[in-house]
Amino acid sequence: GILSIEQLISRVGVIGVTLMALLSGFGAVNCPYTYMSYFLRNVTDTDILALERRLLQTMDMIVSKKKRIAVAHRTMFQRGEVHNKPTGFWGMIKSVTTSVAGSENLSLIQQEVDALEELSRQLFLETADLHATKERIEYSKTFQGKYFNFLGYFFSIYCVWKIFMATINIVFDRVGKTDPVTRGIEITVNYLGIQFDVKFWSQHISFILVGIIIVTSIRGLLITLTKFFYAISSSKSSNVIVLLLAQIMGMYFVSSVLLIRMSMPLEYRTIITEVLGEL
């Protein structure tokens, strides 16, 4: 029926799995781009100093032009106090023409100031980006940076392999019968030729792996959603945001249970399938 567990979970799972796919796709692209030294552009102290010099020159130009505007305003104010209201027809015409010319000059300078302020904002952002890139370069030279660089290459290859295998499974309608942990242990044991209880250890390692996947994925979801909600939240929308976060977390957890079945041994995968239905 419509209110059965299978029907409800299938509809919730569509949204949750789509959300997981978007987040994992973003992470698969953003993580190597952030930590791999291959994507770092070469930034030197000379580049940063040159950009900072341009920023300081732009700020000096803004200050000088604003000073000109302030001096012009003060001069116009003083003229208004020294010379009282113009009398006569020609005096009125003279005051109107001079004020229009002065206002046009001030408006032109103000436009230049606005353009320079926009340029200074862009230069400031670019300077901050160069400093961040320089810090990433320094970090990549450390042991932890080299470790993350290696992981970036490893998981890039892993992502390509997963995309390739997922495409094959979709095209040929295949369903894996063995979880990755059991399969990897079997290959290692057969290659090394050692005595090892594959069934016993594969269960424990699979559950540990599933726990790590759930904890890290939910943590990543919370961090991503927190950044998003900080950007759009206000005093009026806080209750709606909390409600939306609770619903997303529920859908995400259900989808995690649906997807981690492939990381578990067959007998435990069957138990989850019987509870959730033939999805």
Protein backbone atom coordinates (compact mmCIF):
# COMPACT_ATOMS: atom_id res chain seq x y z
CA GLY A 1 0.00 0.00 0.00
CA ILE A 2 0.86 3.68 -0.14
CA LEU A 3 1.59 3.82 3.61
CA SER A 4 3.87 0.78 3.65
CA ILE A 5 7.49 1.08 4.77
CA GLU A 6 8.78 0.12 1.32
CA GLN A 7 6.77 2.83 -0.42
CA LEU A 8 7.76 5.55 2.07
CA ILE A 9 11.43 4.65 2.14
CA SER A 10 11.59 4.45 -1.64
CA ARG A 11 10.25 8.00 -1.96
CA VAL A 12 12.44 9.38 0.82
CA GLY A 13 15.41 7.51 -0.62
CA VAL A 14 15.09 9.22 -4.00
CA ILE A 15 15.63 12.66 -2.43
CA GLY A 16 18.24 11.42 0.04
CA VAL A 17 20.30 9.52 -2.52
CA THR A 18 20.17 12.54 -4.85
CA LEU A 19 21.46 14.72 -2.01
CA MET A 20 24.22 12.22 -1.24
CA ALA A 21 25.18 12.09 -4.91
CA LEU A 22 25.44 15.89 -5.09
CA LEU A 23 27.53 16.11 -1.93
CA SER A 24 29.80 13.21 -2.84
CA GLY A 25 30.26 14.59 -6.34
CA PHE A 26 31.20 17.98 -4.91
CA GLY A 27 33.58 16.35 -2.45
CA ALA A 28 35.14 14.15 -5.13
CA VAL A 29 36.04 17.26 -7.13
CA ASN A 30 36.76 19.71 -4.31
CA CYS A 31 38.96 17.48 -2.13
CA PRO A 32 41.66 16.65 -4.75
CA TYR A 33 41.52 20.24 -6.00
CA THR A 34 42.13 21.48 -2.45
CA TYR A 35 44.91 19.12 -1.38
CA MET A 36 46.73 18.04 -4.56
CA SER A 37 49.82 20.09 -5.36
CA TYR A 38 49.14 19.56 -9.08
CA PHE A 39 46.35 22.16 -8.97
CA LEU A 40 48.36 24.74 -7.04
CA ARG A 41 49.55 27.69 -9.10
CA ASN A 42 53.03 29.01 -8.51
CA VAL A 43 52.83 32.09 -6.27
CA THR A 44 55.92 33.97 -5.12
CA ASP A 45 56.43 36.76 -2.64
CA THR A 46 57.15 39.09 -5.56
CA ASP A 47 53.67 38.50 -6.99
CA ILE A 48 52.05 39.22 -3.63
CA LEU A 49 54.10 42.39 -3.09
CA ALA A 50 53.29 43.66 -6.58
CA LEU A 51 49.57 43.12 -6.05
CA GLU A 52 49.68 44.73 -2.62
CA ARG A 53 51.51 47.71 -4.13
CA ARG A 54 48.74 48.08 -6.73
CA LEU A 55 46.17 47.90 -3.95
CA LEU A 56 47.93 50.63 -1.94
CA GLN A 57 48.20 52.85 -5.02
CA THR A 58 44.50 52.40 -5.69
CA MET A 59 43.67 53.29 -2.09
CA ASP A 60 45.85 56.42 -2.33
CA MET A 61 44.02 57.46 -5.50
CA ILE A 62 40.66 56.95 -3.76
CA VAL A 63 41.78 59.07 -0.80
CA SER A 64 43.09 61.87 -3.03
CA LYS A 65 39.90 62.01 -5.10
CA LYS A 66 37.70 61.97 -2.00
CA LYS A 67 39.85 64.77 -0.64
CA ARG A 68 39.22 66.76 -3.84
CA ILE A 69 35.47 66.21 -3.44
CA ALA A 70 35.61 67.34 0.20
CA VAL A 71 37.64 70.45 -0.70
CA ALA A 72 35.20 71.29 -3.51
CA HIS A 73 32.24 70.93 -1.13
CA ARG A 74 33.94 73.15 1.43
CA THR A 75 34.76 75.76 -1.22
CA MET A 76 31.18 75.79 -2.46
CA PHE A 77 29.94 76.12 1.11
CA GLN A 78 32.28 79.01 1.83
CA ARG A 79 31.25 80.78 -1.37
CA GLY A 80 27.65 80.38 -0.35
CA GLU A 81 28.34 82.03 3.00
CA VAL A 82 30.62 84.82 1.74
CA HIS A 83 28.43 85.73 -1.20
CA ASN A 84 24.86 85.99 -0.10
CA LYS A 85 21.99 85.15 -2.32
CA PRO A 86 22.65 86.61 -5.78
CA THR A 87 20.59 89.63 -6.69
CA GLY A 88 19.40 90.49 -10.10
CA PHE A 89 18.76 88.48 -13.22
CA TRP A 90 22.40 88.06 -14.30
CA GLY A 91 23.46 87.03 -10.81
CA MET A 92 20.89 84.27 -10.75
CA ILE A 93 22.03 82.99 -14.17
CA LYS A 94 25.68 83.04 -13.06
CA SER A 95 24.98 81.11 -9.87
CA VAL A 96 22.97 78.46 -11.72
CA THR A 97 25.65 77.91 -14.40
CA THR A 98 28.53 77.72 -11.94
CA SER A 99 26.68 75.30 -9.66
CA VAL A 100 25.77 73.04 -12.59
CA ALA A 101 29.36 72.98 -13.83
CA GLY A 102 30.67 72.27 -10.35
CA SER A 103 28.12 69.50 -9.78
CA GLU A 104 29.03 67.87 -13.10
CA ASN A 105 32.70 67.94 -12.14
CA LEU A 106 31.95 66.44 -8.73
CA SER A 107 29.72 63.76 -10.21
CA LEU A 108 32.51 62.77 -12.62
CA ILE A 109 35.01 62.49 -9.77
CA GLN A 110 32.49 60.48 -7.72
CA GLN A 111 32.09 58.02 -10.61
CA GLU A 112 35.87 57.62 -10.71
CA VAL A 113 35.88 57.00 -6.96
CA ASP A 114 33.18 54.32 -7.29
CA ALA A 115 35.15 52.59 -10.05
CA LEU A 116 38.35 52.70 -8.00
CA GLU A 117 36.57 51.32 -4.93
CA GLU A 118 35.28 48.37 -6.97
CA LEU A 119 38.81 47.82 -8.30
CA SER A 120 40.19 47.93 -4.76
CA ARG A 121 37.69 45.27 -3.66
CA GLN A 122 38.75 43.01 -6.51
CA LEU A 123 42.43 43.59 -5.75
CA PHE A 124 41.84 42.84 -2.06
CA LEU A 125 40.09 39.56 -2.88
CA GLU A 126 42.86 38.59 -5.28
CA THR A 127 45.49 39.44 -2.67
CA ALA A 128 43.71 37.29 -0.08
CA ASP A 129 43.54 34.46 -2.63
CA LEU A 130 47.27 34.73 -3.31
CA HIS A 131 48.02 34.60 0.42
CA ALA A 132 45.80 31.51 0.78
CA THR A 133 47.54 29.86 -2.18
CA LYS A 134 50.94 30.66 -0.67
CA GLU A 135 49.85 29.05 2.61
CA ARG A 136 48.65 25.97 0.69
CA ILE A 137 52.03 25.74 -1.04
CA GLU A 138 53.83 25.91 2.31
CA TYR A 139 51.43 23.32 3.73
CA SER A 140 51.99 20.97 0.77
CA LYS A 141 55.70 20.82 1.64
CA THR A 142 55.01 19.37 5.09
CA PHE A 143 54.64 15.67 5.82
CA GLN A 144 50.87 15.98 6.30
CA GLY A 145 50.59 17.93 3.06
CA LYS A 146 52.48 15.21 1.14
CA TYR A 147 50.22 12.61 2.77
CA PHE A 148 47.07 14.43 1.61
CA ASN A 149 48.61 14.90 -1.82
CA PHE A 150 49.10 11.13 -2.10
CA LEU A 151 45.53 10.53 -0.92
CA GLY A 152 44.30 13.00 -3.54
CA TYR A 153 45.89 10.97 -6.35
CA PHE A 154 44.70 7.69 -4.83
CA PHE A 155 41.08 8.76 -4.43
CA SER A 156 41.05 10.41 -7.86
CA ILE A 157 41.92 7.05 -9.40
CA TYR A 158 39.41 5.36 -7.08
CA CYS A 159 36.63 7.75 -8.16
CA VAL A 160 37.35 7.10 -11.84
CA TRP A 161 37.24 3.36 -11.19
CA LYS A 162 33.94 3.65 -9.27
CA ILE A 163 32.38 5.70 -12.08
CA PHE A 164 33.51 3.10 -14.61
CA MET A 165 32.17 0.16 -12.58
CA ALA A 166 28.90 1.95 -11.76
CA THR A 167 28.35 2.64 -15.46
CA ILE A 168 28.92 -1.03 -16.30
CA ASN A 169 26.56 -2.14 -13.51
CA ILE A 170 23.82 0.22 -14.74
CA VAL A 171 24.20 -0.73 -18.41
CA PHE A 172 24.29 -4.50 -17.81
CA ASP A 173 21.94 -4.42 -14.77
CA ARG A 174 24.44 -6.12 -12.49
CA VAL A 175 24.23 -6.35 -8.68
CA GLY A 176 27.36 -7.11 -6.69
CA LYS A 177 27.25 -10.33 -4.69
CA THR A 178 30.36 -9.68 -2.62
CA ASP A 179 31.11 -6.58 -0.56
CA PRO A 180 34.38 -4.72 -1.28
CA VAL A 181 36.02 -5.68 2.05
CA THR A 182 35.45 -9.41 1.60
CA ARG A 183 36.53 -9.22 -2.01
CA GLY A 184 39.71 -7.32 -1.14
CA ILE A 185 40.62 -9.74 1.67
CA GLU A 186 40.05 -12.74 -0.61
CA ILE A 187 42.29 -11.27 -3.30
CA THR A 188 45.01 -10.46 -0.75
CA VAL A 189 44.86 -13.91 0.88
CA ASN A 190 44.95 -15.72 -2.47
CA TYR A 191 47.82 -13.53 -3.69
CA LEU A 192 49.93 -13.94 -0.55
CA GLY A 193 48.92 -17.54 0.08
CA ILE A 194 48.43 -17.20 3.85
CA GLN A 195 45.98 -18.78 6.25
CA PHE A 196 43.30 -16.28 7.19
CA ASP A 197 39.72 -16.48 8.41
CA VAL A 198 38.14 -14.38 5.69
CA LYS A 199 34.54 -14.73 6.87
CA PHE A 200 35.24 -13.76 10.49
CA TRP A 201 37.44 -10.73 9.80
CA SER A 202 35.42 -9.51 6.84
CA GLN A 203 32.38 -9.10 9.12
CA HIS A 204 34.22 -6.98 11.67
CA ILE A 205 36.13 -4.92 9.12
CA SER A 206 32.94 -4.35 7.14
CA PHE A 207 31.05 -3.06 10.19
CA ILE A 208 33.97 -0.80 11.15
CA LEU A 209 34.09 0.54 7.59
CA VAL A 210 30.33 1.11 7.54
CA GLY A 211 30.53 2.98 10.85
CA ILE A 212 33.33 5.20 9.53
CA ILE A 213 31.34 5.90 6.36
CA ILE A 214 28.22 6.88 8.32
CA VAL A 215 30.07 9.10 10.81
CA THR A 216 32.20 10.91 8.23
CA SER A 217 29.37 11.35 5.74
CA ILE A 218 26.94 12.76 8.34
CA ARG A 219 29.72 15.00 9.71
CA GLY A 220 30.44 16.27 6.20
CA LEU A 221 26.72 16.86 5.63
CA LEU A 222 26.38 18.86 8.85
CA ILE A 223 29.44 20.99 8.05
CA THR A 224 28.18 21.71 4.53
CA LEU A 225 24.64 22.52 5.66
CA THR A 226 25.90 24.68 8.53
CA LYS A 227 27.90 26.85 6.11
CA PHE A 228 24.86 27.12 3.83
CA PHE A 229 22.45 27.97 6.66
CA TYR A 230 24.81 30.57 8.10
CA ALA A 231 24.73 32.34 4.73
CA ILE A 232 20.91 32.44 4.45
CA SER A 233 19.70 32.34 8.05
CA SER A 234 18.05 35.19 9.89
CA SER A 235 16.01 35.66 13.06
CA LYS A 236 12.78 35.05 11.15
CA SER A 237 13.88 31.96 9.22
CA SER A 238 15.66 30.10 12.05
CA ASN A 239 12.72 27.79 12.86
CA VAL A 240 12.20 26.90 9.21
CA ILE A 241 15.91 26.17 8.81
CA VAL A 242 15.96 23.87 11.85
CA LEU A 243 12.93 21.99 10.51
CA LEU A 244 14.54 21.68 7.08
CA LEU A 245 17.78 20.44 8.64
CA ALA A 246 15.91 17.77 10.61
CA GLN A 247 14.12 16.53 7.48
CA ILE A 248 17.32 16.48 5.44
CA MET A 249 19.12 14.55 8.20
CA GLY A 250 16.32 11.97 8.28
CA MET A 251 16.37 11.49 4.52
CA TYR A 252 20.17 11.36 4.54
CA PHE A 253 20.26 8.68 7.24
CA VAL A 254 17.68 6.50 5.47
CA SER A 255 19.61 6.84 2.23
CA SER A 256 22.85 5.93 4.00
CA VAL A 257 21.23 2.72 5.26
CA LEU A 258 20.07 1.96 1.72
CA LEU A 259 23.48 2.51 0.18
CA ILE A 260 25.73 0.88 2.79
CA ARG A 261 24.19 -2.51 2.09
CA MET A 262 26.77 -2.96 -0.66
CA SER A 263 29.56 -2.60 1.94
CA MET A 264 28.24 -5.40 4.12
CA PRO A 265 28.45 -9.22 3.88
CA LEU A 266 25.62 -10.94 2.05
CA GLU A 267 23.75 -12.33 5.08
CA TYR A 268 23.59 -8.95 6.83
CA ARG A 269 22.69 -7.26 3.58
CA THR A 270 19.76 -9.67 3.27
CA ILE A 271 18.51 -8.78 6.76
CA ILE A 272 18.46 -5.04 5.96
CA THR A 273 16.73 -5.75 2.66
CA GLU A 274 14.00 -7.74 4.43
CA VAL A 275 13.40 -4.86 6.85
CA LEU A 276 13.35 -2.10 4.23
CA GLY A 277 11.67 -4.07 1.45
CA GLU A 278 12.87 -5.11 -1.99
CA LEU A 279 14.37 -1.77 -3.00
